[in-house]
């Protein structure tokens, strides 16, 4: 197990340097997404929808992903290097055993979620699908905006050209291993990552999204913990508030909420 983890970590570094994954449709974090969304010029017939890829890691086809990786490696590297990397990648991905009720099983598809190489392998597979399918629907202007964070997808679509039902039907046919669960906007807003995305007639506004189950609990300041640990939660909340493009009214409201919470602690 330890040797497999070490090999996976080595492969991640090597593959990231050799594959040249283009990341056309990947959002790095909520701040980058907020910046992109607030710059969009939208119209009243634009609507939002999100999709979650169901059980992504356990449904990634290993052999298909290896073929994609080999093609990408050969585009940017010599045949000898590509062959070595594919051999190492194949050995690593085939070690996807698991135990259940004292029996050992090896599935025909899927990668371990705990493996260091899982995210890179998932990106190899998903980016190939996106370069094949997403570009077409974006060019056709049925979809005006597409971003993905791991297995979560945000779409803005044009109601003059398509419907959410058509999008859902189409996206579920892209690959037999993948199923997508939709979430529709409500009252012109939708949540994605830790953002609440609010649609106005010609622009999008950003707010911070909090689940209904969220509780404002932090380490009590009188407890026997290092000061850095106690302040970490507040620094995170304040940094997020300042980095996101919030309106003045929303920023003031968040500042007052965080200040009041800190005083109570």
Protein backbone atom coordinates (compact mmCIF):
# COMPACT_ATOMS: atom_id res chain seq x y z
CA UNK A 1 0.00 0.00 0.00
CA UNK A 2 2.75 2.46 0.98
CA UNK A 3 4.69 1.82 -2.25
CA UNK A 4 1.54 2.32 -4.33
CA UNK A 5 0.92 5.69 -2.65
CA UNK A 6 4.51 6.79 -3.31
CA UNK A 7 4.23 5.76 -6.97
CA UNK A 8 0.93 7.64 -7.31
CA UNK A 9 2.45 10.83 -5.87
CA UNK A 10 5.42 10.56 -8.25
CA UNK A 11 3.10 10.03 -11.22
CA UNK A 12 0.94 13.05 -10.35
CA UNK A 13 3.93 15.38 -10.54
CA UNK A 14 5.23 13.82 -13.75
CA UNK A 15 1.86 13.69 -15.51
CA UNK A 16 1.00 17.29 -14.68
CA UNK A 17 4.25 18.35 -16.36
CA UNK A 18 3.94 16.06 -19.37
CA UNK A 19 0.21 15.95 -20.21
CA UNK A 20 -0.43 19.66 -20.77
CA UNK A 21 -4.04 19.44 -19.61
CA UNK A 22 -5.71 22.51 -21.05
CA UNK A 23 -8.30 23.20 -18.34
CA UNK A 24 -10.56 25.21 -20.67
CA UNK A 25 -13.66 24.62 -18.55
CA UNK A 26 -12.18 24.31 -15.07
CA UNK A 27 -12.75 26.87 -12.33
CA UNK A 28 -9.96 27.01 -9.77
CA UNK A 29 -11.97 28.38 -6.83
CA UNK A 30 -15.07 30.40 -5.94
CA UNK A 31 -13.22 33.73 -6.20
CA UNK A 32 -12.22 33.06 -9.82
CA UNK A 33 -15.74 31.93 -10.63
CA UNK A 34 -17.25 35.04 -9.03
CA UNK A 35 -14.96 37.24 -11.14
CA UNK A 36 -15.97 35.43 -14.34
CA UNK A 37 -19.70 35.58 -13.56
CA UNK A 38 -19.81 39.27 -12.67
CA UNK A 39 -18.18 40.12 -16.02
CA UNK A 40 -20.83 38.22 -18.02
CA UNK A 41 -23.31 40.13 -20.14
CA UNK A 42 -26.59 38.27 -19.85
CA UNK A 43 -30.17 38.75 -21.02
CA UNK A 44 -33.54 38.05 -19.45
CA UNK A 45 -33.95 34.74 -21.29
CA UNK A 46 -30.79 33.29 -19.76
CA UNK A 47 -31.25 30.75 -16.96
CA UNK A 48 -28.96 28.78 -14.65
CA UNK A 49 -28.69 25.09 -13.80
CA UNK A 50 -26.11 22.97 -11.97
CA UNK A 51 -25.24 19.30 -12.38
CA UNK A 52 -23.54 16.87 -10.04
CA UNK A 53 -21.76 13.89 -11.60
CA UNK A 54 -23.03 10.88 -9.68
CA UNK A 55 -20.30 8.62 -8.23
CA UNK A 56 -17.64 10.00 -10.55
CA UNK A 57 -14.52 8.20 -9.34
CA UNK A 58 -15.99 4.69 -9.23
CA UNK A 59 -17.33 5.06 -12.77
CA UNK A 60 -14.23 6.25 -14.63
CA UNK A 61 -13.38 3.70 -17.38
CA UNK A 62 -9.74 2.75 -16.87
CA UNK A 63 -8.86 1.47 -20.35
CA UNK A 64 -10.53 4.39 -22.10
CA UNK A 65 -8.73 6.86 -19.82
CA UNK A 66 -5.39 5.15 -20.53
CA UNK A 67 -5.96 5.57 -24.28
CA UNK A 68 -6.74 9.27 -23.79
CA UNK A 69 -3.64 9.73 -21.62
CA UNK A 70 -1.45 7.99 -24.20
CA UNK A 71 -2.69 10.27 -26.99
CA UNK A 72 -2.07 13.37 -24.86
CA UNK A 73 1.43 12.21 -23.91
CA UNK A 74 2.37 11.49 -27.53
CA UNK A 75 1.27 15.01 -28.53
CA UNK A 76 3.89 16.60 -26.30
CA UNK A 77 6.57 13.97 -25.64
CA UNK A 78 8.65 11.36 -27.41
CA UNK A 79 7.41 7.78 -27.75
CA UNK A 80 9.86 6.36 -25.20
CA UNK A 81 8.77 8.75 -22.42
CA UNK A 82 5.10 8.28 -23.28
CA UNK A 83 5.38 4.50 -23.16
CA UNK A 84 7.09 4.58 -19.75
CA UNK A 85 4.46 6.89 -18.27
CA UNK A 86 1.57 4.83 -19.62
CA UNK A 87 3.10 1.64 -18.21
CA UNK A 88 3.43 3.22 -14.76
CA UNK A 89 -0.07 4.68 -14.97
CA UNK A 90 -1.55 1.35 -16.05
CA UNK A 91 0.15 -0.51 -13.19
CA UNK A 92 -1.12 2.07 -10.70
CA UNK A 93 -4.71 2.11 -11.93
CA UNK A 94 -4.95 -1.66 -12.02
CA UNK A 95 -4.23 -1.81 -8.29
CA UNK A 96 -7.83 -0.85 -7.51
CA UNK A 97 -8.56 -3.80 -5.24
CA UNK A 98 -10.90 -3.56 -2.27
CA UNK A 99 -12.01 -5.96 0.43
CA UNK A 100 -15.57 -6.74 1.52
CA UNK A 101 -16.70 -9.45 3.93
CA UNK A 102 -13.21 -11.01 3.92
CA UNK A 103 -13.18 -11.24 0.12
CA UNK A 104 -10.95 -9.33 -2.31
CA UNK A 105 -12.52 -7.76 -5.40
CA UNK A 106 -11.20 -5.90 -8.43
CA UNK A 107 -13.78 -3.80 -10.34
CA UNK A 108 -13.54 -3.38 -14.11
CA UNK A 109 -13.92 0.37 -13.82
CA UNK A 110 -13.29 3.09 -11.28
CA UNK A 111 -10.39 4.53 -9.34
CA UNK A 112 -9.78 4.92 -5.64
CA UNK A 113 -10.95 8.25 -4.21
CA UNK A 114 -8.11 8.19 -1.68
CA UNK A 115 -5.35 7.76 -4.23
CA UNK A 116 -3.17 10.85 -4.89
CA UNK A 117 -3.57 10.29 -8.62
CA UNK A 118 -7.38 10.13 -8.66
CA UNK A 119 -7.98 13.83 -9.41
CA UNK A 120 -5.51 13.85 -12.29
CA UNK A 121 -7.02 10.70 -13.82
CA UNK A 122 -10.53 12.13 -13.48
CA UNK A 123 -9.41 15.32 -15.23
CA UNK A 124 -7.87 13.35 -18.10
CA UNK A 125 -11.17 11.59 -18.70
CA UNK A 126 -13.53 14.55 -18.13
CA UNK A 127 -11.53 17.09 -20.10
CA UNK A 128 -11.54 14.77 -23.12
CA UNK A 129 -15.35 14.56 -22.91
CA UNK A 130 -15.62 18.33 -22.52
CA UNK A 131 -13.34 19.06 -25.46
CA UNK A 132 -15.49 16.74 -27.57
CA UNK A 133 -19.01 17.66 -26.43
CA UNK A 134 -19.03 20.91 -24.44
CA UNK A 135 -17.31 22.90 -27.18
CA UNK A 136 -20.04 21.94 -29.66
CA UNK A 137 -22.93 23.11 -27.50
CA UNK A 138 -21.09 26.30 -26.56
CA UNK A 139 -20.41 27.06 -30.22
CA UNK A 140 -24.10 26.48 -30.99
CA UNK A 141 -24.94 29.11 -28.31
CA UNK A 142 -27.43 26.80 -26.59
CA UNK A 143 -25.14 27.06 -23.57
CA UNK A 144 -23.68 30.51 -22.94
CA UNK A 145 -21.50 29.64 -19.93
CA UNK A 146 -19.96 26.38 -18.68
CA UNK A 147 -17.66 25.85 -15.69
CA UNK A 148 -16.78 22.74 -13.70
CA UNK A 149 -15.21 22.21 -10.29
CA UNK A 150 -14.24 18.51 -9.96
CA UNK A 151 -17.68 16.83 -10.33
CA UNK A 152 -19.91 19.91 -10.04
CA UNK A 153 -20.98 21.80 -13.17
CA UNK A 154 -22.55 25.23 -13.58
CA UNK A 155 -24.38 26.12 -16.81
CA UNK A 156 -26.07 29.23 -18.14
CA UNK A 157 -28.37 28.39 -21.03
CA UNK A 158 -30.49 30.31 -23.51
CA UNK A 159 -34.22 29.56 -23.15
CA UNK A 160 -34.77 30.66 -26.78
CA UNK A 161 -32.69 27.72 -27.99
CA UNK A 162 -33.08 24.96 -25.42
CA UNK A 163 -34.74 23.78 -22.21
CA UNK A 164 -33.34 22.29 -18.99
CA UNK A 165 -35.00 18.97 -19.86
CA UNK A 166 -33.23 18.83 -23.23
CA UNK A 167 -29.90 19.71 -21.59
CA UNK A 168 -30.35 17.03 -18.94
CA UNK A 169 -31.29 14.41 -21.53
CA UNK A 170 -28.35 15.34 -23.74
CA UNK A 171 -25.75 15.41 -20.97
CA UNK A 172 -26.84 12.02 -19.65
CA UNK A 173 -26.17 10.52 -23.09
CA UNK A 174 -22.57 11.78 -23.34
CA UNK A 175 -21.09 8.65 -21.74
CA UNK A 176 -22.75 5.42 -20.53
CA UNK A 177 -20.73 5.47 -17.28
CA UNK A 178 -21.82 8.94 -16.22
CA UNK A 179 -25.11 10.15 -14.82
CA UNK A 180 -25.80 13.80 -13.98
CA UNK A 181 -28.13 15.05 -11.26
CA UNK A 182 -29.60 18.52 -11.99
CA UNK A 183 -30.45 21.35 -9.61
CA UNK A 184 -32.60 24.13 -11.01
CA UNK A 185 -32.52 27.79 -10.10
CA UNK A 186 -35.08 29.10 -7.64
CA UNK A 187 -36.27 32.71 -7.53
CA UNK A 188 -33.56 33.70 -10.04
CA UNK A 189 -30.76 32.31 -7.87
CA UNK A 190 -28.77 29.12 -7.49
CA UNK A 191 -25.97 27.93 -5.23
CA UNK A 192 -22.64 26.65 -6.50
CA UNK A 193 -19.58 25.94 -4.35
CA UNK A 194 -19.92 28.47 -1.51
CA UNK A 195 -21.55 31.09 -3.73
CA UNK A 196 -25.14 32.21 -4.10
CA UNK A 197 -25.47 33.29 -7.73
CA UNK A 198 -28.26 35.83 -8.26
CA UNK A 199 -29.46 36.66 -11.75
CA UNK A 200 -30.63 40.16 -12.66
CA UNK A 201 -31.94 41.16 -16.11
CA UNK A 202 -28.51 42.16 -17.48
CA UNK A 203 -25.95 41.01 -14.93
CA UNK A 204 -25.17 38.51 -12.20
CA UNK A 205 -24.68 39.34 -8.55
CA UNK A 206 -22.70 37.23 -6.08
CA UNK A 207 -23.41 36.52 -2.44
CA UNK A 208 -22.04 34.01 0.05
CA UNK A 209 -24.12 30.84 0.30
CA UNK A 210 -24.85 29.26 3.66
CA UNK A 211 -26.69 25.97 4.03
CA UNK A 212 -29.72 25.94 6.31
CA UNK A 213 -27.81 23.54 8.58
CA UNK A 214 -24.84 25.92 8.94
CA UNK A 215 -24.00 26.78 12.55
CA UNK A 216 -21.67 29.63 13.51
CA UNK A 217 -19.52 27.58 15.85
CA UNK A 218 -15.86 28.35 16.47
CA UNK A 219 -13.31 27.54 19.16
CA UNK A 220 -14.13 29.45 22.33
CA UNK A 221 -11.48 32.10 22.91
CA UNK A 222 -10.99 31.08 26.56
CA UNK A 223 -10.23 27.47 25.63
CA UNK A 224 -6.71 26.03 25.84
CA UNK A 225 -5.93 26.19 22.11
CA UNK A 226 -3.25 28.14 20.23
CA UNK A 227 -4.39 31.61 19.26
CA UNK A 228 -3.73 30.84 15.58
CA UNK A 229 -6.27 28.00 15.74
CA UNK A 230 -8.88 30.24 17.36
CA UNK A 231 -8.47 32.99 14.79
CA UNK A 232 -8.30 30.72 11.71
CA UNK A 233 -12.08 30.57 11.19
CA UNK A 234 -12.47 34.36 11.44
CA UNK A 235 -9.55 35.00 9.07
CA UNK A 236 -11.10 32.64 6.54
CA UNK A 237 -14.51 34.33 6.73
CA UNK A 238 -13.07 37.83 6.47
CA UNK A 239 -10.68 36.94 3.63
CA UNK A 240 -13.51 35.33 1.69
CA UNK A 241 -15.73 38.35 2.22
CA UNK A 242 -13.01 40.73 1.00
CA UNK A 243 -11.90 38.63 -1.98
CA UNK A 244 -15.39 38.11 -3.44
CA UNK A 245 -16.99 40.83 -5.54
CA UNK A 246 -19.85 41.53 -3.14
CA UNK A 247 -21.98 44.65 -3.24
CA UNK A 248 -21.33 47.24 -0.53
CA UNK A 249 -24.60 46.38 1.19
CA UNK A 250 -23.85 42.66 1.30
CA UNK A 251 -20.27 43.24 2.44
CA UNK A 252 -21.38 45.48 5.31
CA UNK A 253 -23.99 42.92 6.37
CA UNK A 254 -21.40 40.12 6.37
CA UNK A 255 -18.92 42.28 8.28
CA UNK A 256 -21.49 43.07 10.96
CA UNK A 257 -22.47 39.43 11.26
CA UNK A 258 -18.86 38.28 11.66
CA UNK A 259 -18.09 41.09 14.12
CA UNK A 260 -21.13 40.33 16.26
CA UNK A 261 -20.31 36.62 16.24
CA UNK A 262 -16.69 37.31 17.24
CA UNK A 263 -17.87 39.56 20.14
CA UNK A 264 -20.23 36.90 21.39
CA UNK A 265 -17.44 34.34 21.46
